[in-house]
């Protein structure tokens, strides 16, 4: 998550939260209608990136004030029938119900890690090519995500945004599956 401090997947605490995720409490999301076509490892990588490697339901981005596993913005939390304060008080496993609810509008459209992450970051980019420009310098969205502009050209493309999430996927699979 741009703007939030956190380590890599290797720095993850050996906490009950992460153990809950990998030991089975995340697997029911595979059967969730909204995520039925999504590799659960893609979701884990998105959560790892968005939560700055903490898998904490209360992690907060100091720039955008987004909260939680997939960094719910206040307006998004309200649309889902809750608040960011309530989301921050939940366990990670309990917050997954809101993660599932969040993805419902894109049922059947989230088969790639890129599309899943775009549903979180910028839904307009679902199904777009990697060259698609999400944000340009001078916009609030760019300011909130300028860490993703790794080539410093004043633009954040879909490829720029997805690359660190893909890296979390590789790191996570190495950690868990050798």
N, C-alpha and C. Protein backbone atom coordinates (compact mmCIF):
# COMPACT_ATOMS: atom_id res chain seq x y z
N UNK A 1 0.85 -1.16 0.00
CA UNK A 1 0.00 0.00 0.00
C UNK A 1 0.89 1.23 0.00
N UNK A 2 0.80 2.04 -1.01
CA UNK A 2 1.62 3.23 -1.05
C UNK A 2 1.33 4.14 0.14
N UNK A 3 2.38 4.69 0.72
CA UNK A 3 2.21 5.62 1.82
C UNK A 3 2.17 4.98 3.19
N UNK A 4 2.15 3.67 3.26
CA UNK A 4 2.11 2.99 4.53
C UNK A 4 3.41 2.25 4.74
N UNK A 5 3.92 2.31 5.92
CA UNK A 5 5.15 1.59 6.19
C UNK A 5 4.83 0.13 6.45
N UNK A 6 5.74 -0.72 6.09
CA UNK A 6 5.55 -2.15 6.31
C UNK A 6 6.66 -2.92 5.64
N UNK A 7 6.81 -4.14 6.04
CA UNK A 7 7.89 -4.95 5.51
C UNK A 7 7.45 -5.80 4.35
N UNK A 8 8.33 -6.68 3.97
CA UNK A 8 8.02 -7.61 2.90
C UNK A 8 7.34 -8.83 3.51
N UNK A 9 6.95 -9.75 2.63
CA UNK A 9 6.29 -10.96 3.10
C UNK A 9 7.20 -11.72 4.08
N UNK A 10 8.51 -11.65 3.86
CA UNK A 10 9.44 -12.35 4.76
C UNK A 10 9.37 -11.78 6.18
N UNK A 11 8.94 -10.52 6.31
CA UNK A 11 8.88 -9.88 7.61
C UNK A 11 7.56 -10.11 8.34
N UNK A 12 6.67 -10.86 7.72
CA UNK A 12 5.37 -11.07 8.34
C UNK A 12 5.51 -11.71 9.70
N UNK A 13 4.73 -11.25 10.65
CA UNK A 13 4.76 -11.89 11.96
C UNK A 13 4.18 -13.28 11.86
N UNK A 14 4.69 -14.20 12.64
CA UNK A 14 4.09 -15.53 12.66
C UNK A 14 2.91 -15.46 13.62
N UNK A 15 1.92 -14.69 13.20
CA UNK A 15 0.77 -14.40 14.05
C UNK A 15 -0.37 -15.36 13.78
N UNK A 16 -1.31 -15.38 14.70
CA UNK A 16 -2.49 -16.21 14.50
C UNK A 16 -3.29 -15.71 13.32
N UNK A 17 -3.22 -14.42 13.02
CA UNK A 17 -3.96 -13.88 11.88
C UNK A 17 -3.50 -14.53 10.59
N UNK A 18 -2.20 -14.53 10.34
CA UNK A 18 -1.70 -15.11 9.12
C UNK A 18 -1.94 -16.61 9.10
N UNK A 19 -1.77 -17.26 10.23
CA UNK A 19 -2.03 -18.69 10.32
C UNK A 19 -3.49 -18.98 10.00
N UNK A 20 -4.40 -18.15 10.51
CA UNK A 20 -5.82 -18.31 10.19
C UNK A 20 -6.04 -18.22 8.69
N UNK A 21 -5.40 -17.27 8.04
CA UNK A 21 -5.57 -17.12 6.61
C UNK A 21 -5.15 -18.39 5.88
N UNK A 22 -3.94 -18.88 6.17
CA UNK A 22 -3.41 -20.00 5.41
C UNK A 22 -3.98 -21.34 5.85
N UNK A 23 -4.44 -21.47 7.09
CA UNK A 23 -4.89 -22.77 7.58
C UNK A 23 -6.32 -23.10 7.20
N UNK A 24 -7.02 -22.20 6.59
CA UNK A 24 -8.33 -22.58 6.13
C UNK A 24 -9.41 -21.53 6.26
N UNK A 25 -9.22 -20.54 7.07
CA UNK A 25 -10.29 -19.57 7.25
C UNK A 25 -10.47 -18.66 6.04
N UNK A 26 -9.48 -18.59 5.16
CA UNK A 26 -9.63 -17.83 3.92
C UNK A 26 -10.22 -18.70 2.81
N UNK A 27 -10.02 -19.98 2.89
CA UNK A 27 -10.44 -20.85 1.80
C UNK A 27 -11.94 -20.78 1.51
N UNK A 28 -12.84 -20.55 2.48
CA UNK A 28 -14.26 -20.44 2.10
C UNK A 28 -14.52 -19.33 1.08
N UNK A 29 -13.64 -18.34 0.98
CA UNK A 29 -13.83 -17.30 -0.03
C UNK A 29 -13.71 -17.87 -1.45
N UNK A 30 -13.07 -19.02 -1.59
CA UNK A 30 -13.00 -19.66 -2.90
C UNK A 30 -14.40 -19.99 -3.40
N UNK A 31 -15.28 -20.29 -2.47
CA UNK A 31 -16.65 -20.65 -2.83
C UNK A 31 -17.58 -19.45 -2.87
N UNK A 32 -17.08 -18.32 -2.45
CA UNK A 32 -17.89 -17.11 -2.47
C UNK A 32 -18.22 -16.76 -3.91
N UNK A 33 -19.46 -16.45 -4.17
CA UNK A 33 -19.89 -16.13 -5.53
C UNK A 33 -19.02 -15.06 -6.15
N UNK A 34 -18.70 -14.00 -5.41
CA UNK A 34 -17.96 -12.88 -5.98
C UNK A 34 -16.51 -13.20 -6.28
N UNK A 35 -15.96 -14.25 -5.68
CA UNK A 35 -14.55 -14.59 -5.87
C UNK A 35 -14.35 -15.99 -6.43
N UNK A 36 -15.38 -16.58 -7.00
CA UNK A 36 -15.31 -17.97 -7.43
C UNK A 36 -14.30 -18.20 -8.55
N UNK A 37 -13.99 -17.17 -9.33
CA UNK A 37 -13.03 -17.33 -10.42
C UNK A 37 -11.65 -16.79 -10.08
N UNK A 38 -11.41 -16.50 -8.81
CA UNK A 38 -10.17 -15.85 -8.38
C UNK A 38 -9.30 -16.83 -7.60
N UNK A 39 -8.03 -16.89 -7.95
CA UNK A 39 -7.06 -17.69 -7.20
C UNK A 39 -6.90 -17.05 -5.83
N UNK A 40 -7.10 -17.81 -4.77
CA UNK A 40 -7.02 -17.26 -3.42
C UNK A 40 -5.64 -16.68 -3.12
N UNK A 41 -4.60 -17.20 -3.77
CA UNK A 41 -3.26 -16.64 -3.60
C UNK A 41 -3.19 -15.21 -4.14
N UNK A 42 -3.98 -14.91 -5.18
CA UNK A 42 -4.03 -13.54 -5.70
C UNK A 42 -4.59 -12.61 -4.63
N UNK A 43 -5.64 -13.07 -3.96
CA UNK A 43 -6.23 -12.27 -2.90
C UNK A 43 -5.23 -12.08 -1.75
N UNK A 44 -4.52 -13.13 -1.40
CA UNK A 44 -3.50 -13.03 -0.34
C UNK A 44 -2.44 -12.00 -0.72
N UNK A 45 -2.01 -12.00 -1.98
CA UNK A 45 -0.99 -11.04 -2.42
C UNK A 45 -1.52 -9.61 -2.36
N UNK A 46 -2.77 -9.42 -2.77
CA UNK A 46 -3.38 -8.08 -2.70
C UNK A 46 -3.47 -7.61 -1.25
N UNK A 47 -3.91 -8.49 -0.37
CA UNK A 47 -4.01 -8.13 1.05
C UNK A 47 -2.62 -7.85 1.62
N UNK A 48 -1.65 -8.68 1.26
CA UNK A 48 -0.28 -8.45 1.75
C UNK A 48 0.21 -7.07 1.33
N UNK A 49 -0.04 -6.70 0.08
CA UNK A 49 0.41 -5.40 -0.40
C UNK A 49 -0.37 -4.27 0.26
N UNK A 50 -1.68 -4.36 0.25
CA UNK A 50 -2.52 -3.28 0.77
C UNK A 50 -2.34 -3.08 2.28
N UNK A 51 -2.05 -4.14 3.00
CA UNK A 51 -1.88 -4.01 4.45
C UNK A 51 -0.41 -3.84 4.85
N UNK A 52 0.42 -3.55 3.87
CA UNK A 52 1.86 -3.35 4.11
C UNK A 52 2.49 -4.56 4.80
N UNK A 53 2.03 -5.74 4.40
CA UNK A 53 2.60 -6.97 4.92
C UNK A 53 2.14 -7.37 6.30
N UNK A 54 1.17 -6.66 6.86
CA UNK A 54 0.75 -6.94 8.23
C UNK A 54 -0.45 -7.87 8.33
N UNK A 55 -1.27 -7.92 7.29
CA UNK A 55 -2.54 -8.65 7.31
C UNK A 55 -3.41 -8.16 8.46
N UNK A 56 -3.25 -6.91 8.82
CA UNK A 56 -3.98 -6.32 9.94
C UNK A 56 -5.25 -5.63 9.45
N UNK A 57 -6.38 -5.89 10.10
CA UNK A 57 -7.62 -5.22 9.73
C UNK A 57 -7.66 -3.76 10.15
N UNK A 58 -6.70 -3.33 10.95
CA UNK A 58 -6.71 -1.95 11.43
C UNK A 58 -5.63 -1.07 10.81
N UNK A 59 -4.78 -1.62 9.95
CA UNK A 59 -3.72 -0.82 9.35
C UNK A 59 -4.35 0.33 8.56
N UNK A 60 -3.80 1.53 8.74
CA UNK A 60 -4.38 2.73 8.15
C UNK A 60 -3.36 3.46 7.30
N UNK A 61 -3.77 3.88 6.14
CA UNK A 61 -2.92 4.69 5.28
C UNK A 61 -3.02 6.13 5.74
N UNK A 62 -1.90 6.73 6.15
CA UNK A 62 -1.95 8.10 6.67
C UNK A 62 -2.28 9.16 5.62
N UNK A 63 -2.14 8.82 4.36
CA UNK A 63 -2.43 9.78 3.30
C UNK A 63 -3.91 9.74 2.91
N UNK A 64 -4.44 8.54 2.66
CA UNK A 64 -5.82 8.41 2.18
C UNK A 64 -6.83 8.12 3.29
N UNK A 65 -6.34 7.72 4.46
CA UNK A 65 -7.17 7.32 5.60
C UNK A 65 -7.94 6.03 5.33
N UNK A 66 -7.49 5.27 4.35
CA UNK A 66 -8.09 3.97 4.08
C UNK A 66 -7.65 3.01 5.19
N UNK A 67 -8.47 1.98 5.42
CA UNK A 67 -8.26 1.07 6.55
C UNK A 67 -8.43 -0.38 6.12
N UNK A 68 -7.63 -1.23 6.70
CA UNK A 68 -7.90 -2.66 6.65
C UNK A 68 -7.19 -3.45 5.58
N UNK A 69 -7.70 -4.66 5.41
CA UNK A 69 -7.07 -5.66 4.56
C UNK A 69 -6.92 -5.22 3.12
N UNK A 70 -7.95 -4.58 2.58
CA UNK A 70 -7.86 -4.08 1.20
C UNK A 70 -7.98 -2.56 1.16
N UNK A 71 -7.74 -1.92 2.29
CA UNK A 71 -7.72 -0.47 2.40
C UNK A 71 -9.05 0.15 1.97
N UNK A 72 -10.06 -0.11 2.76
CA UNK A 72 -11.39 0.45 2.53
C UNK A 72 -11.35 1.96 2.77
N UNK A 73 -11.81 2.71 1.81
CA UNK A 73 -11.96 4.16 1.97
C UNK A 73 -13.26 4.41 2.75
N UNK A 74 -13.36 5.55 3.44
CA UNK A 74 -14.57 5.82 4.22
C UNK A 74 -15.87 5.71 3.41
N UNK A 75 -15.90 6.25 2.21
CA UNK A 75 -17.11 6.18 1.39
C UNK A 75 -17.44 4.74 1.00
N UNK A 76 -16.42 3.94 0.77
CA UNK A 76 -16.63 2.53 0.45
C UNK A 76 -17.20 1.78 1.64
N UNK A 77 -16.65 2.03 2.81
CA UNK A 77 -17.16 1.39 4.02
C UNK A 77 -18.64 1.72 4.21
N UNK A 78 -19.01 2.97 4.02
CA UNK A 78 -20.40 3.38 4.16
C UNK A 78 -21.28 2.63 3.15
N UNK A 79 -20.81 2.53 1.91
CA UNK A 79 -21.57 1.81 0.88
C UNK A 79 -21.78 0.35 1.27
N UNK A 80 -20.83 -0.21 2.01
CA UNK A 80 -20.93 -1.61 2.45
C UNK A 80 -21.69 -1.77 3.76
N UNK A 81 -22.19 -0.66 4.30
CA UNK A 81 -23.00 -0.73 5.52
C UNK A 81 -22.20 -0.71 6.81
N UNK A 82 -21.03 -0.14 6.78
CA UNK A 82 -20.19 -0.08 7.97
C UNK A 82 -19.38 1.23 7.94
N UNK A 83 -18.42 1.32 8.82
CA UNK A 83 -17.51 2.48 8.84
C UNK A 83 -16.08 1.97 8.89
N UNK A 84 -15.15 2.85 8.59
CA UNK A 84 -13.74 2.43 8.70
C UNK A 84 -13.38 2.16 10.16
N UNK A 85 -14.00 2.87 11.08
CA UNK A 85 -13.73 2.62 12.51
C UNK A 85 -14.20 1.22 12.90
N UNK A 86 -15.37 0.83 12.42
CA UNK A 86 -15.87 -0.52 12.72
C UNK A 86 -15.00 -1.58 12.06
N UNK A 87 -14.60 -1.34 10.81
CA UNK A 87 -13.73 -2.29 10.12
C UNK A 87 -12.42 -2.47 10.87
N UNK A 88 -11.87 -1.39 11.37
CA UNK A 88 -10.59 -1.44 12.09
C UNK A 88 -10.69 -2.22 13.38
N UNK A 89 -11.86 -2.34 13.95
CA UNK A 89 -12.05 -3.07 15.20
C UNK A 89 -12.30 -4.57 14.99
N UNK A 90 -12.52 -4.98 13.75
CA UNK A 90 -12.82 -6.39 13.45
C UNK A 90 -11.54 -7.22 13.45
N UNK A 91 -11.71 -8.51 13.58
CA UNK A 91 -10.59 -9.42 13.33
C UNK A 91 -10.41 -9.48 11.82
N UNK A 92 -9.25 -9.92 11.39
CA UNK A 92 -8.99 -10.04 9.96
C UNK A 92 -9.99 -11.00 9.32
N UNK A 93 -10.25 -12.11 9.97
CA UNK A 93 -11.18 -13.10 9.42
C UNK A 93 -12.59 -12.51 9.33
N UNK A 94 -13.04 -11.75 10.34
CA UNK A 94 -14.35 -11.12 10.27
C UNK A 94 -14.42 -10.09 9.15
N UNK A 95 -13.32 -9.36 8.93
CA UNK A 95 -13.32 -8.34 7.89
C UNK A 95 -13.43 -8.95 6.49
N UNK A 96 -13.08 -10.23 6.37
CA UNK A 96 -13.19 -10.89 5.07
C UNK A 96 -14.62 -10.88 4.52
N UNK A 97 -15.63 -10.85 5.39
CA UNK A 97 -17.01 -10.77 4.91
C UNK A 97 -17.22 -9.49 4.11
N UNK A 98 -16.59 -8.41 4.55
CA UNK A 98 -16.69 -7.13 3.83
C UNK A 98 -15.83 -7.14 2.57
N UNK A 99 -14.72 -7.87 2.60
CA UNK A 99 -13.89 -8.04 1.41
C UNK A 99 -14.74 -8.74 0.34
N UNK A 100 -15.40 -9.82 0.72
CA UNK A 100 -16.25 -10.55 -0.23
C UNK A 100 -17.35 -9.65 -0.77
N UNK A 101 -18.01 -8.93 0.11
CA UNK A 101 -19.09 -8.03 -0.30
C UNK A 101 -18.57 -6.94 -1.24
N UNK A 102 -17.37 -6.44 -0.97
CA UNK A 102 -16.77 -5.42 -1.81
C UNK A 102 -16.61 -5.90 -3.25
N UNK A 103 -16.18 -7.15 -3.42
CA UNK A 103 -15.89 -7.67 -4.76
C UNK A 103 -17.14 -8.09 -5.53
N UNK A 104 -18.29 -8.15 -4.92
CA UNK A 104 -19.51 -8.64 -5.57
C UNK A 104 -19.82 -7.99 -6.92
N UNK A 105 -19.65 -6.68 -7.08
CA UNK A 105 -19.98 -6.09 -8.38
C UNK A 105 -19.15 -6.61 -9.56
N UNK A 106 -18.03 -7.25 -9.27
CA UNK A 106 -17.15 -7.72 -10.34
C UNK A 106 -17.12 -9.23 -10.46
N UNK A 107 -18.17 -9.88 -9.99
CA UNK A 107 -18.26 -11.33 -10.08
C UNK A 107 -18.01 -11.78 -11.53
N UNK A 108 -17.11 -12.74 -11.67
CA UNK A 108 -16.79 -13.28 -12.99
C UNK A 108 -15.77 -12.47 -13.78
N UNK A 109 -15.26 -11.40 -13.21
CA UNK A 109 -14.33 -10.52 -13.94
C UNK A 109 -12.96 -10.42 -13.29
N UNK A 110 -12.69 -11.27 -12.28
CA UNK A 110 -11.46 -11.11 -11.50
C UNK A 110 -10.58 -12.36 -11.57
N UNK A 111 -10.36 -12.88 -12.76
CA UNK A 111 -9.58 -14.10 -12.92
C UNK A 111 -8.08 -13.88 -12.90
N UNK A 112 -7.63 -12.63 -13.06
CA UNK A 112 -6.19 -12.36 -13.04
C UNK A 112 -5.84 -11.54 -11.81
N UNK A 113 -4.59 -11.62 -11.41
CA UNK A 113 -4.15 -10.82 -10.27
C UNK A 113 -4.27 -9.33 -10.59
N UNK A 114 -4.03 -8.97 -11.84
CA UNK A 114 -4.16 -7.58 -12.24
C UNK A 114 -5.58 -7.06 -12.11
N UNK A 115 -6.54 -7.83 -12.57
CA UNK A 115 -7.93 -7.40 -12.46
C UNK A 115 -8.40 -7.37 -11.01
N UNK A 116 -7.96 -8.34 -10.22
CA UNK A 116 -8.33 -8.33 -8.81
C UNK A 116 -7.78 -7.07 -8.13
N UNK A 117 -6.52 -6.76 -8.39
CA UNK A 117 -5.95 -5.58 -7.76
C UNK A 117 -6.58 -4.29 -8.30
N UNK A 118 -6.92 -4.27 -9.56
CA UNK A 118 -7.58 -3.07 -10.10
C UNK A 118 -8.95 -2.87 -9.44
N UNK A 119 -9.64 -3.95 -9.08
CA UNK A 119 -10.91 -3.81 -8.37
C UNK A 119 -10.70 -3.06 -7.05
N UNK A 120 -9.55 -3.24 -6.45
CA UNK A 120 -9.23 -2.56 -5.19
C UNK A 120 -8.78 -1.12 -5.45
N UNK A 121 -7.85 -0.96 -6.36
CA UNK A 121 -7.22 0.35 -6.54
C UNK A 121 -8.00 1.28 -7.46
N UNK A 122 -8.42 0.80 -8.61
CA UNK A 122 -9.03 1.66 -9.63
C UNK A 122 -9.90 0.79 -10.53
N UNK A 123 -11.14 0.51 -10.12
CA UNK A 123 -12.00 -0.42 -10.86
C UNK A 123 -12.18 -0.11 -12.34
N UNK A 124 -12.03 1.14 -12.73
CA UNK A 124 -12.15 1.48 -14.15
C UNK A 124 -11.11 0.75 -15.00
N UNK A 125 -10.06 0.25 -14.37
CA UNK A 125 -8.97 -0.40 -15.09
C UNK A 125 -9.12 -1.91 -15.19
N UNK A 126 -10.21 -2.47 -14.67
CA UNK A 126 -10.44 -3.91 -14.82
C UNK A 126 -10.57 -4.23 -16.30
N UNK A 127 -9.79 -5.20 -16.75
CA UNK A 127 -9.83 -5.62 -18.16
C UNK A 127 -9.04 -4.75 -19.10
N UNK A 128 -8.41 -3.71 -18.61
CA UNK A 128 -7.62 -2.81 -19.45
C UNK A 128 -6.21 -3.36 -19.65
N UNK A 129 -5.51 -2.88 -20.68
CA UNK A 129 -4.12 -3.33 -20.89
C UNK A 129 -3.18 -2.73 -19.84
N UNK A 130 -2.02 -3.33 -19.72
CA UNK A 130 -1.03 -2.87 -18.73
C UNK A 130 -0.56 -1.44 -18.98
N UNK A 131 -0.70 -0.96 -20.20
CA UNK A 131 -0.28 0.41 -20.53
C UNK A 131 -1.32 1.46 -20.13
N UNK A 132 -2.47 1.01 -19.68
CA UNK A 132 -3.54 1.94 -19.29
C UNK A 132 -3.06 2.84 -18.15
N UNK A 133 -3.23 4.15 -18.30
CA UNK A 133 -2.80 5.11 -17.29
C UNK A 133 -3.91 5.28 -16.26
N UNK A 134 -3.58 4.98 -15.01
CA UNK A 134 -4.53 5.12 -13.91
C UNK A 134 -4.56 6.55 -13.39
N UNK A 135 -3.37 7.08 -13.12
CA UNK A 135 -3.26 8.39 -12.48
C UNK A 135 -2.13 9.18 -13.12
N UNK A 136 -2.32 10.49 -13.17
CA UNK A 136 -1.27 11.37 -13.67
C UNK A 136 -0.94 12.41 -12.62
N UNK A 137 0.32 12.84 -12.66
CA UNK A 137 0.79 13.86 -11.74
C UNK A 137 -0.17 15.06 -11.75
N UNK A 138 -0.45 15.59 -10.57
CA UNK A 138 -1.37 16.71 -10.44
C UNK A 138 -2.74 16.30 -9.94
N UNK A 139 -3.01 15.00 -9.89
CA UNK A 139 -4.30 14.53 -9.37
C UNK A 139 -4.14 14.05 -7.93
N UNK A 140 -5.22 14.08 -7.18
CA UNK A 140 -5.22 13.56 -5.81
C UNK A 140 -4.84 12.09 -5.81
N UNK A 141 -5.38 11.34 -6.76
CA UNK A 141 -5.10 9.91 -6.83
C UNK A 141 -3.62 9.65 -7.07
N UNK A 142 -3.00 10.47 -7.91
CA UNK A 142 -1.57 10.32 -8.14
C UNK A 142 -0.81 10.61 -6.85
N UNK A 143 -1.17 11.69 -6.18
CA UNK A 143 -0.48 12.05 -4.94
C UNK A 143 -0.58 10.92 -3.91
N UNK A 144 -1.74 10.26 -3.85
CA UNK A 144 -1.93 9.18 -2.89
C UNK A 144 -1.19 7.90 -3.29
N UNK A 145 -0.84 7.79 -4.56
CA UNK A 145 -0.22 6.56 -5.06
C UNK A 145 1.08 6.80 -5.83
N UNK A 146 1.72 7.94 -5.60
CA UNK A 146 2.91 8.28 -6.38
C UNK A 146 4.06 7.30 -6.16
N UNK A 147 4.04 6.56 -5.08
CA UNK A 147 5.07 5.54 -4.87
C UNK A 147 5.02 4.46 -5.95
N UNK A 148 3.88 4.33 -6.61
CA UNK A 148 3.75 3.35 -7.69
C UNK A 148 4.36 3.83 -9.00
N UNK A 149 4.66 5.10 -9.10
CA UNK A 149 5.28 5.67 -10.30
C UNK A 149 6.78 5.38 -10.24
N UNK A 150 7.13 4.14 -10.45
CA UNK A 150 8.51 3.70 -10.25
C UNK A 150 9.46 4.21 -11.31
N UNK A 151 8.95 4.60 -12.47
CA UNK A 151 9.85 5.14 -13.49
C UNK A 151 9.89 6.66 -13.49
N UNK A 152 9.13 7.30 -12.58
CA UNK A 152 9.18 8.74 -12.40
C UNK A 152 8.70 9.56 -13.58
N UNK A 153 7.81 8.99 -14.40
CA UNK A 153 7.34 9.73 -15.57
C UNK A 153 6.07 10.55 -15.32
N UNK A 154 5.64 10.60 -14.06
CA UNK A 154 4.45 11.38 -13.73
C UNK A 154 3.16 10.65 -14.02
N UNK A 155 3.24 9.35 -14.29
CA UNK A 155 2.06 8.53 -14.58
C UNK A 155 2.17 7.22 -13.82
N UNK A 156 1.03 6.74 -13.38
CA UNK A 156 0.95 5.40 -12.80
C UNK A 156 0.12 4.57 -13.77
N UNK A 157 0.75 3.59 -14.38
CA UNK A 157 0.04 2.70 -15.29
C UNK A 157 -0.44 1.48 -14.52
N UNK A 158 -1.30 0.73 -15.17
CA UNK A 158 -1.76 -0.53 -14.57
C UNK A 158 -0.57 -1.43 -14.28
N UNK A 159 0.38 -1.48 -15.19
CA UNK A 159 1.58 -2.32 -14.97
C UNK A 159 2.36 -1.85 -13.75
N UNK A 160 2.53 -0.52 -13.59
CA UNK A 160 3.22 0.01 -12.41
C UNK A 160 2.52 -0.44 -11.14
N UNK A 161 1.20 -0.37 -11.13
CA UNK A 161 0.42 -0.68 -9.93
C UNK A 161 0.41 -2.16 -9.61
N UNK A 162 0.36 -2.99 -10.62
CA UNK A 162 0.25 -4.44 -10.39
C UNK A 162 1.59 -5.07 -10.04
N UNK A 163 2.68 -4.51 -10.50
CA UNK A 163 4.01 -5.12 -10.28
C UNK A 163 4.32 -5.43 -8.82
N UNK A 164 4.11 -4.50 -7.87
CA UNK A 164 4.44 -4.86 -6.48
C UNK A 164 3.51 -5.91 -5.89
N UNK A 165 2.30 -6.01 -6.40
CA UNK A 165 1.37 -7.04 -5.94
C UNK A 165 1.83 -8.40 -6.47
N UNK A 166 2.26 -8.42 -7.72
CA UNK A 166 2.81 -9.66 -8.29
C UNK A 166 4.04 -10.10 -7.51
N UNK A 167 4.85 -9.14 -7.07
CA UNK A 167 6.03 -9.47 -6.27
C UNK A 167 5.62 -10.09 -4.94
N UNK A 168 4.57 -9.57 -4.33
CA UNK A 168 4.06 -10.17 -3.08
C UNK A 168 3.59 -11.60 -3.33
N UNK A 169 2.99 -11.85 -4.48
CA UNK A 169 2.56 -13.20 -4.82
C UNK A 169 3.75 -14.14 -4.88
N UNK A 170 4.80 -13.73 -5.57
CA UNK A 170 6.01 -14.56 -5.69
C UNK A 170 6.61 -14.80 -4.30
N UNK A 171 6.76 -13.73 -3.52
CA UNK A 171 7.35 -13.86 -2.17
C UNK A 171 6.50 -14.78 -1.29
N UNK A 172 5.20 -14.60 -1.35
CA UNK A 172 4.31 -15.41 -0.53
C UNK A 172 4.35 -16.88 -0.90
N UNK A 173 4.35 -17.16 -2.19
CA UNK A 173 4.42 -18.57 -2.62
C UNK A 173 5.76 -19.18 -2.23
N UNK A 174 6.83 -18.42 -2.33
CA UNK A 174 8.14 -18.94 -1.90
C UNK A 174 8.14 -19.24 -0.41
N UNK A 175 7.55 -18.34 0.37
CA UNK A 175 7.53 -18.52 1.82
C UNK A 175 6.70 -19.74 2.22
N UNK A 176 5.54 -19.87 1.60
CA UNK A 176 4.62 -20.92 2.03
C UNK A 176 4.85 -22.26 1.34
N UNK A 177 5.36 -22.23 0.12
CA UNK A 177 5.45 -23.47 -0.64
C UNK A 177 6.86 -23.81 -1.08
N UNK A 178 7.82 -22.98 -0.67
CA UNK A 178 9.23 -23.24 -0.98
C UNK A 178 9.51 -23.00 -2.39
